[in-house]
Amino acid sequence: MPKRYSCPVELTVDVVGGRWRTVILARLKEGVHRYGELRRLTPGISEKMLTQRLRELEADGLVIRRDHGTVPPHVDYDLTDEGRTLIPVLQALYDWGVARAARTGEPL
């Protein structure tokens, strides 16, 4: 039976919630990235965690993994059409974070 939500925000947080899922989506909002690029752009995440989160986002239909079938392997990640619908949400979170840092003096 599908999970029932009492509030649309609850559904949104369930889909994009968690520190790493949101950060990965924000990086992919910038464009297509290879695994190594995502790893470099996301300091503090382990390889295992990055792989796991990418697989989850792919299973949720937000990220697409493209294997170009080359040697050495060339795999990249991008937002799906459904994932792109999150761009305004991700941008709003980014803008709020920048404004919050400016108000509180928190370093970015």
PDB file of N, CA and C in Angstrom:
ATOM      1  N   MET A   1       0.846  -1.179   0.000  1.00  0.00           N
ATOM      2  CA  MET A   1       0.000   0.000   0.000  1.00  0.00           C
ATOM      3  C   MET A   1       0.895   1.247   0.000  1.00  0.00           C
ATOM      4  N   PRO A   2       0.606   2.236  -0.864  1.00  0.00           N
ATOM      5  CA  PRO A   2       1.426   3.444  -0.913  1.00  0.00           C
ATOM      6  C   PRO A   2       1.339   4.236   0.386  1.00  0.00           C
ATOM      7  N   LYS A   3       2.438   4.887   0.704  1.00  0.00           N
ATOM      8  CA  LYS A   3       2.474   5.723   1.903  1.00  0.00           C
ATOM      9  C   LYS A   3       1.560   6.925   1.710  1.00  0.00           C
ATOM     10  N   ARG A   4       0.846   7.293   2.759  1.00  0.00           N
ATOM     11  CA  ARG A   4      -0.024   8.469   2.714  1.00  0.00           C
ATOM     12  C   ARG A   4       0.660   9.608   3.452  1.00  0.00           C
ATOM     13  N   TYR A   5       0.597  10.767   2.867  1.00  0.00           N
ATOM     14  CA  TYR A   5       1.230  11.951   3.447  1.00  0.00           C
ATOM     15  C   TYR A   5       0.167  12.902   3.956  1.00  0.00           C
ATOM     16  N   SER A   6       0.451  13.523   5.080  1.00  0.00           N
ATOM     17  CA  SER A   6      -0.504  14.469   5.659  1.00  0.00           C
ATOM     18  C   SER A   6      -0.262  15.891   5.156  1.00  0.00           C
ATOM     19  N   CYS A   7       0.869  16.087   4.451  1.00  0.00           N
ATOM     20  CA  CYS A   7       1.233  17.419   3.987  1.00  0.00           C
ATOM     21  C   CYS A   7       2.149  17.275   2.764  1.00  0.00           C
ATOM     22  N   PRO A   8       1.988  18.103   1.751  1.00  0.00           N
ATOM     23  CA  PRO A   8       2.866  18.018   0.581  1.00  0.00           C
ATOM     24  C   PRO A   8       4.348  18.220   0.917  1.00  0.00           C
ATOM     25  N   VAL A   9       4.635  19.014   1.938  1.00  0.00           N
ATOM     26  CA  VAL A   9       6.033  19.212   2.337  1.00  0.00           C
ATOM     27  C   VAL A   9       6.636  17.893   2.823  1.00  0.00           C
ATOM     28  N   GLU A  10       5.837  17.094   3.501  1.00  0.00           N
ATOM     29  CA  GLU A  10       6.291  15.781   3.966  1.00  0.00           C
ATOM     30  C   GLU A  10       6.701  14.910   2.781  1.00  0.00           C
ATOM     31  N   LEU A  11       5.910  14.907   1.721  1.00  0.00           N
ATOM     32  CA  LEU A  11       6.254  14.155   0.511  1.00  0.00           C
ATOM     33  C   LEU A  11       7.550  14.675  -0.095  1.00  0.00           C
ATOM     34  N   THR A  12       7.679  15.984  -0.223  1.00  0.00           N
ATOM     35  CA  THR A  12       8.878  16.589  -0.808  1.00  0.00           C
ATOM     36  C   THR A  12      10.119  16.213  -0.014  1.00  0.00           C
ATOM     37  N   VAL A  13      10.058  16.341   1.295  1.00  0.00           N
ATOM     38  CA  VAL A  13      11.203  16.016   2.141  1.00  0.00           C
ATOM     39  C   VAL A  13      11.524  14.526   2.060  1.00  0.00           C
ATOM     40  N   ASP A  14      10.508  13.701   1.929  1.00  0.00           N
ATOM     41  CA  ASP A  14      10.725  12.264   1.795  1.00  0.00           C
ATOM     42  C   ASP A  14      11.489  11.945   0.509  1.00  0.00           C
ATOM     43  N   VAL A  15      11.200  12.673  -0.570  1.00  0.00           N
ATOM     44  CA  VAL A  15      11.839  12.417  -1.860  1.00  0.00           C
ATOM     45  C   VAL A  15      13.251  13.001  -1.918  1.00  0.00           C
ATOM     46  N   VAL A  16      13.420  14.239  -1.491  1.00  0.00           N
ATOM     47  CA  VAL A  16      14.726  14.892  -1.632  1.00  0.00           C
ATOM     48  C   VAL A  16      15.468  15.031  -0.316  1.00  0.00           C
ATOM     49  N   GLY A  17      14.855  14.567   0.769  1.00  0.00           N
ATOM     50  CA  GLY A  17      15.436  14.756   2.090  1.00  0.00           C
ATOM     51  C   GLY A  17      16.771  14.065   2.269  1.00  0.00           C
ATOM     52  N   GLY A  18      17.437  14.477   3.277  1.00  0.00           N
ATOM     53  CA  GLY A  18      18.755  13.948   3.562  1.00  0.00           C
ATOM     54  C   GLY A  18      19.814  14.856   2.971  1.00  0.00           C
ATOM     55  N   ARG A  19      20.855  15.017   3.699  1.00  0.00           N
ATOM     56  CA  ARG A  19      21.904  15.947   3.306  1.00  0.00           C
ATOM     57  C   ARG A  19      22.475  15.639   1.929  1.00  0.00           C
ATOM     58  N   TRP A  20      22.823  14.428   1.688  1.00  0.00           N
ATOM     59  CA  TRP A  20      23.534  14.108   0.453  1.00  0.00           C
ATOM     60  C   TRP A  20      22.630  14.090  -0.767  1.00  0.00           C
ATOM     61  N   ARG A  21      21.408  13.640  -0.634  1.00  0.00           N
ATOM     62  CA  ARG A  21      20.500  13.611  -1.788  1.00  0.00           C
ATOM     63  C   ARG A  21      20.302  15.021  -2.331  1.00  0.00           C
ATOM     64  N   THR A  22      20.052  15.964  -1.452  1.00  0.00           N
ATOM     65  CA  THR A  22      19.820  17.339  -1.872  1.00  0.00           C
ATOM     66  C   THR A  22      21.066  17.952  -2.487  1.00  0.00           C
ATOM     67  N   VAL A  23      22.222  17.686  -1.892  1.00  0.00           N
ATOM     68  CA  VAL A  23      23.477  18.235  -2.416  1.00  0.00           C
ATOM     69  C   VAL A  23      23.779  17.659  -3.795  1.00  0.00           C
ATOM     70  N   ILE A  24      23.586  16.368  -3.973  1.00  0.00           N
ATOM     71  CA  ILE A  24      23.821  15.729  -5.276  1.00  0.00           C
ATOM     72  C   ILE A  24      22.877  16.324  -6.319  1.00  0.00           C
ATOM     73  N   LEU A  25      21.617  16.459  -5.981  1.00  0.00           N
ATOM     74  CA  LEU A  25      20.661  17.066  -6.912  1.00  0.00           C
ATOM     75  C   LEU A  25      21.063  18.500  -7.257  1.00  0.00           C
ATOM     76  N   ALA A  26      21.535  19.245  -6.271  1.00  0.00           N
ATOM     77  CA  ALA A  26      21.963  20.624  -6.526  1.00  0.00           C
ATOM     78  C   ALA A  26      23.157  20.654  -7.476  1.00  0.00           C
ATOM     79  N   ARG A  27      24.082  19.727  -7.322  1.00  0.00           N
ATOM     80  CA  ARG A  27      25.231  19.652  -8.245  1.00  0.00           C
ATOM     81  C   ARG A  27      24.774  19.293  -9.650  1.00  0.00           C
ATOM     82  N   LEU A  28      23.848  18.372  -9.763  1.00  0.00           N
ATOM     83  CA  LEU A  28      23.366  17.962 -11.080  1.00  0.00           C
ATOM     84  C   LEU A  28      22.489  19.037 -11.713  1.00  0.00           C
ATOM     85  N   LYS A  29      21.940  19.928 -10.901  1.00  0.00           N
ATOM     86  CA  LYS A  29      21.203  21.076 -11.418  1.00  0.00           C
ATOM     87  C   LYS A  29      22.115  21.927 -12.295  1.00  0.00           C
ATOM     88  N   GLU A  30      23.409  21.932 -11.972  1.00  0.00           N
ATOM     89  CA  GLU A  30      24.398  22.707 -12.717  1.00  0.00           C
ATOM     90  C   GLU A  30      24.706  22.090 -14.080  1.00  0.00           C
ATOM     91  N   GLY A  31      24.403  20.787 -14.239  1.00  0.00           N
ATOM     92  CA  GLY A  31      24.670  20.116 -15.503  1.00  0.00           C
ATOM     93  C   GLY A  31      25.105  18.677 -15.291  1.00  0.00           C
ATOM     94  N   VAL A  32      25.419  18.014 -16.400  1.00  0.00           N
ATOM     95  CA  VAL A  32      25.843  16.618 -16.378  1.00  0.00           C
ATOM     96  C   VAL A  32      27.203  16.514 -15.705  1.00  0.00           C
ATOM     97  N   HIS A  33      27.358  15.496 -14.839  1.00  0.00           N
ATOM     98  CA  HIS A  33      28.640  15.271 -14.162  1.00  0.00           C
ATOM     99  C   HIS A  33      28.996  13.797 -14.180  1.00  0.00           C
ATOM    100  N   ARG A  34      30.275  13.538 -14.290  1.00  0.00           N
ATOM    101  CA  ARG A  34      30.778  12.180 -14.117  1.00  0.00           C
ATOM    102  C   ARG A  34      30.893  11.911 -12.621  1.00  0.00           C
ATOM    103  N   TYR A  35      31.016  10.620 -12.287  1.00  0.00           N
ATOM    104  CA  TYR A  35      31.094  10.211 -10.883  1.00  0.00           C
ATOM    105  C   TYR A  35      32.232  10.946 -10.166  1.00  0.00           C
ATOM    106  N   GLY A  36      33.419  10.955 -10.767  1.00  0.00           N
ATOM    107  CA  GLY A  36      34.576  11.596 -10.141  1.00  0.00           C
ATOM    108  C   GLY A  36      34.366  13.081  -9.896  1.00  0.00           C
ATOM    109  N   GLU A  37      33.680  13.737 -10.816  1.00  0.00           N
ATOM    110  CA  GLU A  37      33.380  15.156 -10.631  1.00  0.00           C
ATOM    111  C   GLU A  37      32.448  15.353  -9.445  1.00  0.00           C
ATOM    112  N   LEU A  38      31.422  14.513  -9.367  1.00  0.00           N
ATOM    113  CA  LEU A  38      30.501  14.603  -8.227  1.00  0.00           C
ATOM    114  C   LEU A  38      31.240  14.364  -6.916  1.00  0.00           C
ATOM    115  N   ARG A  39      32.153  13.435  -6.926  1.00  0.00           N
ATOM    116  CA  ARG A  39      32.939  13.128  -5.719  1.00  0.00           C
ATOM    117  C   ARG A  39      33.751  14.345  -5.293  1.00  0.00           C
ATOM    118  N   ARG A  40      34.405  15.000  -6.249  1.00  0.00           N
ATOM    119  CA  ARG A  40      35.212  16.187  -5.943  1.00  0.00           C
ATOM    120  C   ARG A  40      34.344  17.368  -5.504  1.00  0.00           C
ATOM    121  N   LEU A  41      33.160  17.489  -6.093  1.00  0.00           N
ATOM    122  CA  LEU A  41      32.271  18.601  -5.771  1.00  0.00           C
ATOM    123  C   LEU A  41      31.517  18.413  -4.453  1.00  0.00           C
ATOM    124  N   THR A  42      31.634  17.213  -3.884  1.00  0.00           N
ATOM    125  CA  THR A  42      30.883  16.889  -2.665  1.00  0.00           C
ATOM    126  C   THR A  42      31.844  16.406  -1.585  1.00  0.00           C
ATOM    127  N   PRO A  43      32.687  17.303  -1.068  1.00  0.00           N
ATOM    128  CA  PRO A  43      33.625  16.877  -0.041  1.00  0.00           C
ATOM    129  C   PRO A  43      32.890  16.372   1.195  1.00  0.00           C
ATOM    130  N   GLY A  44      33.424  15.351   1.788  1.00  0.00           N
ATOM    131  CA  GLY A  44      32.835  14.793   3.001  1.00  0.00           C
ATOM    132  C   GLY A  44      31.977  13.570   2.751  1.00  0.00           C
ATOM    133  N   ILE A  45      31.607  13.318   1.510  1.00  0.00           N
ATOM    134  CA  ILE A  45      30.802  12.126   1.220  1.00  0.00           C
ATOM    135  C   ILE A  45      31.745  10.985   0.851  1.00  0.00           C
ATOM    136  N   SER A  46      31.459   9.819   1.372  1.00  0.00           N
ATOM    137  CA  SER A  46      32.284   8.653   1.035  1.00  0.00           C
ATOM    138  C   SER A  46      31.853   8.116  -0.329  1.00  0.00           C
ATOM    139  N   GLU A  47      32.729   7.350  -0.944  1.00  0.00           N
ATOM    140  CA  GLU A  47      32.395   6.755  -2.237  1.00  0.00           C
ATOM    141  C   GLU A  47      31.174   5.852  -2.117  1.00  0.00           C
ATOM    142  N   LYS A  48      31.121   5.076  -1.037  1.00  0.00           N
ATOM    143  CA  LYS A  48      29.988   4.176  -0.817  1.00  0.00           C
ATOM    144  C   LYS A  48      28.685   4.960  -0.702  1.00  0.00           C
ATOM    145  N   MET A  49      28.710   6.052   0.046  1.00  0.00           N
ATOM    146  CA  MET A  49      27.504   6.864   0.237  1.00  0.00           C
ATOM    147  C   MET A  49      27.086   7.521  -1.075  1.00  0.00           C
ATOM    148  N   LEU A  50      28.048   8.049  -1.845  1.00  0.00           N
ATOM    149  CA  LEU A  50      27.726   8.673  -3.122  1.00  0.00           C
ATOM    150  C   LEU A  50      27.080   7.662  -4.063  1.00  0.00           C
ATOM    151  N   THR A  51      27.674   6.478  -4.159  1.00  0.00           N
ATOM    152  CA  THR A  51      27.119   5.427  -5.012  1.00  0.00           C
ATOM    153  C   THR A  51      25.706   5.066  -4.574  1.00  0.00           C
ATOM    154  N   GLN A  52      25.515   4.902  -3.278  1.00  0.00           N
ATOM    155  CA  GLN A  52      24.203   4.529  -2.739  1.00  0.00           C
ATOM    156  C   GLN A  52      23.159   5.603  -3.033  1.00  0.00           C
ATOM    157  N   ARG A  53      23.504   6.860  -2.799  1.00  0.00           N
ATOM    158  CA  ARG A  53      22.549   7.949  -3.025  1.00  0.00           C
ATOM    159  C   ARG A  53      22.228   8.108  -4.507  1.00  0.00           C
ATOM    160  N   LEU A  54      23.235   7.965  -5.371  1.00  0.00           N
ATOM    161  CA  LEU A  54      22.971   8.041  -6.808  1.00  0.00           C
ATOM    162  C   LEU A  54      22.021   6.939  -7.248  1.00  0.00           C
ATOM    163  N   ARG A  55      22.202   5.739  -6.726  1.00  0.00           N
ATOM    164  CA  ARG A  55      21.307   4.633  -7.061  1.00  0.00           C
ATOM    165  C   ARG A  55      19.883   4.903  -6.578  1.00  0.00           C
ATOM    166  N   GLU A  56      19.752   5.466  -5.378  1.00  0.00           N
ATOM    167  CA  GLU A  56      18.431   5.801  -4.854  1.00  0.00           C
ATOM    168  C   GLU A  56      17.748   6.858  -5.719  1.00  0.00           C
ATOM    169  N   LEU A  57      18.504   7.885  -6.079  1.00  0.00           N
ATOM    170  CA  LEU A  57      17.942   8.954  -6.901  1.00  0.00           C
ATOM    171  C   LEU A  57      17.554   8.434  -8.282  1.00  0.00           C
ATOM    172  N   GLU A  58      18.331   7.496  -8.785  1.00  0.00           N
ATOM    173  CA  GLU A  58      17.997   6.870 -10.064  1.00  0.00           C
ATOM    174  C   GLU A  58      16.717   6.038  -9.924  1.00  0.00           C
ATOM    175  N   ALA A  59      16.623   5.262  -8.851  1.00  0.00           N
ATOM    176  CA  ALA A  59      15.433   4.441  -8.604  1.00  0.00           C
ATOM    177  C   ALA A  59      14.184   5.304  -8.413  1.00  0.00           C
ATOM    178  N   ASP A  60      14.355   6.502  -7.852  1.00  0.00           N
ATOM    179  CA  ASP A  60      13.235   7.422  -7.644  1.00  0.00           C
ATOM    180  C   ASP A  60      12.874   8.195  -8.908  1.00  0.00           C
ATOM    181  N   GLY A  61      13.630   7.984  -9.985  1.00  0.00           N
ATOM    182  CA  GLY A  61      13.327   8.636 -11.251  1.00  0.00           C
ATOM    183  C   GLY A  61      13.771  10.076 -11.348  1.00  0.00           C
ATOM    184  N   LEU A  62      14.709  10.491 -10.480  1.00  0.00           N
ATOM    185  CA  LEU A  62      15.176  11.874 -10.484  1.00  0.00           C
ATOM    186  C   LEU A  62      16.500  12.045 -11.218  1.00  0.00           C
ATOM    187  N   VAL A  63      17.269  10.968 -11.306  1.00  0.00           N
ATOM    188  CA  VAL A  63      18.602  11.003 -11.920  1.00  0.00           C
ATOM    189  C   VAL A  63      18.697   9.882 -12.941  1.00  0.00           C
ATOM    190  N   ILE A  64      19.385  10.181 -14.033  1.00  0.00           N
ATOM    191  CA  ILE A  64      19.651   9.156 -15.034  1.00  0.00           C
ATOM    192  C   ILE A  64      21.158   8.915 -15.095  1.00  0.00           C
ATOM    193  N   ARG A  65      21.516   7.646 -15.159  1.00  0.00           N
ATOM    194  CA  ARG A  65      22.912   7.224 -15.270  1.00  0.00           C
ATOM    195  C   ARG A  65      23.130   6.783 -16.705  1.00  0.00           C
ATOM    196  N   ARG A  66      24.117   7.392 -17.357  1.00  0.00           N
ATOM    197  CA  ARG A  66      24.418   7.029 -18.742  1.00  0.00           C
ATOM    198  C   ARG A  66      25.790   6.381 -18.804  1.00  0.00           C
ATOM    199  N   ASP A  67      25.801   5.135 -19.239  1.00  0.00           N
ATOM    200  CA  ASP A  67      27.055   4.410 -19.464  1.00  0.00           C
ATOM    201  C   ASP A  67      27.312   4.451 -20.959  1.00  0.00           C
ATOM    202  N   HIS A  68      28.408   5.077 -21.339  1.00  0.00           N
ATOM    203  CA  HIS A  68      28.706   5.264 -22.757  1.00  0.00           C
ATOM    204  C   HIS A  68      29.372   4.049 -23.391  1.00  0.00           C
ATOM    205  N   GLY A  69      29.592   2.990 -22.607  1.00  0.00           N
ATOM    206  CA  GLY A  69      30.123   1.738 -23.134  1.00  0.00           C
ATOM    207  C   GLY A  69      31.512   1.846 -23.720  1.00  0.00           C
ATOM    208  N   THR A  70      32.336   2.676 -23.127  1.00  0.00           N
ATOM    209  CA  THR A  70      33.700   2.850 -23.620  1.00  0.00           C
ATOM    210  C   THR A  70      34.693   2.240 -22.658  1.00  0.00           C
ATOM    211  N   VAL A  71      35.913   2.080 -23.139  1.00  0.00           N
ATOM    212  CA  VAL A  71      37.021   1.633 -22.305  1.00  0.00           C
ATOM    213  C   VAL A  71      38.083   2.711 -22.390  1.00  0.00           C
ATOM    214  N   PRO A  72      38.479   3.309 -21.270  1.00  0.00           N
ATOM    215  CA  PRO A  72      37.971   3.102 -19.912  1.00  0.00           C
ATOM    216  C   PRO A  72      36.514   3.552 -19.804  1.00  0.00           C
ATOM    217  N   PRO A  73      35.833   3.066 -18.758  1.00  0.00           N
ATOM    218  CA  PRO A  73      34.412   3.378 -18.613  1.00  0.00           C
ATOM    219  C   PRO A  73      34.145   4.886 -18.532  1.00  0.00           C
ATOM    220  N   HIS A  74      33.125   5.310 -19.216  1.00  0.00           N
ATOM    221  CA  HIS A  74      32.673   6.702 -19.166  1.00  0.00           C
ATOM    222  C   HIS A  74      31.198   6.672 -18.774  1.00  0.00           C
ATOM    223  N   VAL A  75      30.938   7.049 -17.532  1.00  0.00           N
ATOM    224  CA  VAL A  75      29.578   7.073 -16.995  1.00  0.00           C
ATOM    225  C   VAL A  75      29.316   8.483 -16.505  1.00  0.00           C
ATOM    226  N   ASP A  76      28.157   9.015 -16.860  1.00  0.00           N
ATOM    227  CA  ASP A  76      27.798  10.314 -16.314  1.00  0.00           C
ATOM    228  C   ASP A  76      26.380  10.286 -15.784  1.00  0.00           C
ATOM    229  N   TYR A  77      26.068  11.329 -15.025  1.00  0.00           N
ATOM    230  CA  TYR A  77      24.775  11.437 -14.348  1.00  0.00           C
ATOM    231  C   TYR A  77      24.147  12.779 -14.705  1.00  0.00           C
ATOM    232  N   ASP A  78      22.836  12.754 -14.835  1.00  0.00           N
ATOM    233  CA  ASP A  78      22.083  13.958 -15.185  1.00  0.00           C
ATOM    234  C   ASP A  78      20.708  13.870 -14.514  1.00  0.00           C
ATOM    235  N   LEU A  79      20.039  14.999 -14.432  1.00  0.00           N
ATOM    236  CA  LEU A  79      18.675  15.011 -13.940  1.00  0.00           C
ATOM    237  C   LEU A  79      17.740  14.515 -15.031  1.00  0.00           C
ATOM    238  N   THR A  80      16.733  13.765 -14.646  1.00  0.00           N
ATOM    239  CA  THR A  80      15.670  13.380 -15.564  1.00  0.00           C
ATOM    240  C   THR A  80      14.720  14.568 -15.709  1.00  0.00           C
ATOM    241  N   ASP A  81      13.725  14.434 -16.556  1.00  0.00           N
ATOM    242  CA  ASP A  81      12.712  15.489 -16.661  1.00  0.00           C
ATOM    243  C   ASP A  81      12.038  15.717 -15.307  1.00  0.00           C
ATOM    244  N   GLU A  82      11.759  14.620 -14.594  1.00  0.00           N
ATOM    245  CA  GLU A  82      11.163  14.744 -13.255  1.00  0.00           C
ATOM    246  C   GLU A  82      12.132  15.439 -12.303  1.00  0.00           C
ATOM    247  N   GLY A  83      13.402  15.095 -12.377  1.00  0.00           N
ATOM    248  CA  GLY A  83      14.414  15.739 -11.547  1.00  0.00           C
ATOM    249  C   GLY A  83      14.522  17.227 -11.825  1.00  0.00           C
ATOM    250  N   ARG A  84      14.372  17.609 -13.095  1.00  0.00           N
ATOM    251  CA  ARG A  84      14.454  19.027 -13.461  1.00  0.00           C
ATOM    252  C   ARG A  84      13.307  19.844 -12.858  1.00  0.00           C
ATOM    253  N   THR A  85      12.196  19.184 -12.542  1.00  0.00           N
ATOM    254  CA  THR A  85      11.104  19.918 -11.911  1.00  0.00           C
ATOM    255  C   THR A  85      11.491  20.406 -10.515  1.00  0.00           C
ATOM    256  N   LEU A  86      12.568  19.854  -9.964  1.00  0.00           N
ATOM    257  CA  LEU A  86      13.056  20.275  -8.644  1.00  0.00           C
ATOM    258  C   LEU A  86      13.973  21.493  -8.713  1.00  0.00           C
ATOM    259  N   ILE A  87      14.361  21.924  -9.894  1.00  0.00           N
ATOM    260  CA  ILE A  87      15.314  23.031 -10.012  1.00  0.00           C
ATOM    261  C   ILE A  87      14.848  24.280  -9.264  1.00  0.00           C
ATOM    262  N   PRO A  88      13.597  24.709  -9.391  1.00  0.00           N
ATOM    263  CA  PRO A  88      13.184  25.892  -8.616  1.00  0.00           C
ATOM    264  C   PRO A  88      13.281  25.679  -7.101  1.00  0.00           C
ATOM    265  N   VAL A  89      12.983  24.481  -6.656  1.00  0.00           N
ATOM    266  CA  VAL A  89      13.073  24.163  -5.223  1.00  0.00           C
ATOM    267  C   VAL A  89      14.533  24.226  -4.778  1.00  0.00           C
ATOM    268  N   LEU A  90      15.413  23.603  -5.558  1.00  0.00           N
ATOM    269  CA  LEU A  90      16.846  23.594  -5.229  1.00  0.00           C
ATOM    270  C   LEU A  90      17.410  25.011  -5.262  1.00  0.00           C
ATOM    271  N   GLN A  91      16.978  25.804  -6.237  1.00  0.00           N
ATOM    272  CA  GLN A  91      17.444  27.193  -6.329  1.00  0.00           C
ATOM    273  C   GLN A  91      16.978  27.997  -5.126  1.00  0.00           C
ATOM    274  N   ALA A  92      15.731  27.768  -4.700  1.00  0.00           N
ATOM    275  CA  ALA A  92      15.218  28.476  -3.519  1.00  0.00           C
ATOM    276  C   ALA A  92      16.016  28.102  -2.274  1.00  0.00           C
ATOM    277  N   LEU A  93      16.362  26.829  -2.124  1.00  0.00           N
ATOM    278  CA  LEU A  93      17.189  26.398  -0.989  1.00  0.00           C
ATOM    279  C   LEU A  93      18.568  27.047  -1.053  1.00  0.00           C
ATOM    280  N   TYR A  94      19.150  27.110  -2.243  1.00  0.00           N
ATOM    281  CA  TYR A  94      20.462  27.740  -2.435  1.00  0.00           C
ATOM    282  C   TYR A  94      20.395  29.218  -2.050  1.00  0.00           C
ATOM    283  N   ASP A  95      19.405  29.920  -2.598  1.00  0.00           N
ATOM    284  CA  ASP A  95      19.274  31.352  -2.329  1.00  0.00           C
ATOM    285  C   ASP A  95      19.062  31.618  -0.838  1.00  0.00           C
ATOM    286  N   TRP A  96      18.238  30.798  -0.191  1.00  0.00           N
ATOM    287  CA  TRP A  96      18.003  30.978   1.233  1.00  0.00           C
ATOM    288  C   TRP A  96      19.293  30.758   2.012  1.00  0.00           C
ATOM    289  N   GLY A  97      20.071  29.739   1.617  1.00  0.00           N
ATOM    290  CA  GLY A  97      21.342  29.464   2.291  1.00  0.00           C
ATOM    291  C   GLY A  97      22.329  30.612   2.155  1.00  0.00           C
ATOM    292  N   VAL A  98      22.403  31.204   0.979  1.00  0.00           N
ATOM    293  CA  VAL A  98      23.291  32.356   0.761  1.00  0.00           C
ATOM    294  C   VAL A  98      22.845  33.526   1.634  1.00  0.00           C
ATOM    295  N   ALA A  99      21.543  33.800   1.635  1.00  0.00           N
ATOM    296  CA  ALA A  99      21.018  34.907   2.446  1.00  0.00           C
ATOM    297  C   ALA A  99      21.225  34.648   3.932  1.00  0.00           C
ATOM    298  N   ARG A 100      21.005  33.428   4.354  1.00  0.00           N
ATOM    299  CA  ARG A 100      21.198  33.068   5.765  1.00  0.00           C
ATOM    300  C   ARG A 100      22.654  33.246   6.171  1.00  0.00           C
ATOM    301  N   ALA A 101      23.561  32.799   5.317  1.00  0.00           N
ATOM    302  CA  ALA A 101      24.996  32.961   5.606  1.00  0.00           C
ATOM    303  C   ALA A 101      25.359  34.445   5.732  1.00  0.00           C
ATOM    304  N   ALA A 102      24.790  35.260   4.873  1.00  0.00           N
ATOM    305  CA  ALA A 102      25.063  36.690   4.938  1.00  0.00           C
ATOM    306  C   ALA A 102      24.516  37.307   6.228  1.00  0.00           C
ATOM    307  N   ARG A 103      23.334  36.856   6.639  1.00  0.00           N
ATOM    308  CA  ARG A 103      22.722  37.405   7.861  1.00  0.00           C
ATOM    309  C   ARG A 103      23.464  36.974   9.115  1.00  0.00           C
ATOM    310  N   THR A 104      23.957  35.761   9.140  1.00  0.00           N
ATOM    311  CA  THR A 104      24.547  35.210  10.362  1.00  0.00           C
ATOM    312  C   THR A 104      26.073  35.209  10.364  1.00  0.00           C
ATOM    313  N   GLY A 105      26.668  35.512   9.223  1.00  0.00           N
ATOM    314  CA  GLY A 105      28.129  35.474   9.134  1.00  0.00           C
ATOM    315  C   GLY A 105      28.685  34.067   8.996  1.00  0.00           C
ATOM    316  N   GLU A 106      27.817  33.120   8.722  1.00  0.00           N
ATOM    317  CA  GLU A 106      28.235  31.720   8.548  1.00  0.00           C
ATOM    318  C   GLU A 106      29.073  31.630   7.265  1.00  0.00           C
ATOM    319  N   PRO A 107      30.256  31.031   7.358  1.00  0.00           N
ATOM    320  CA  PRO A 107      31.094  30.932   6.145  1.00  0.00           C
ATOM    321  C   PRO A 107      30.559  29.890   5.167  1.00  0.00           C
ATOM    322  N   LEU A 108      30.676  30.200   3.888  1.00  0.00           N
ATOM    323  CA  LEU A 108      30.283  29.254   2.824  1.00  0.00           C
ATOM    324  C   LEU A 108      31.524  28.796   2.086  1.00  0.00           C
TER     325      LEU A 108
END
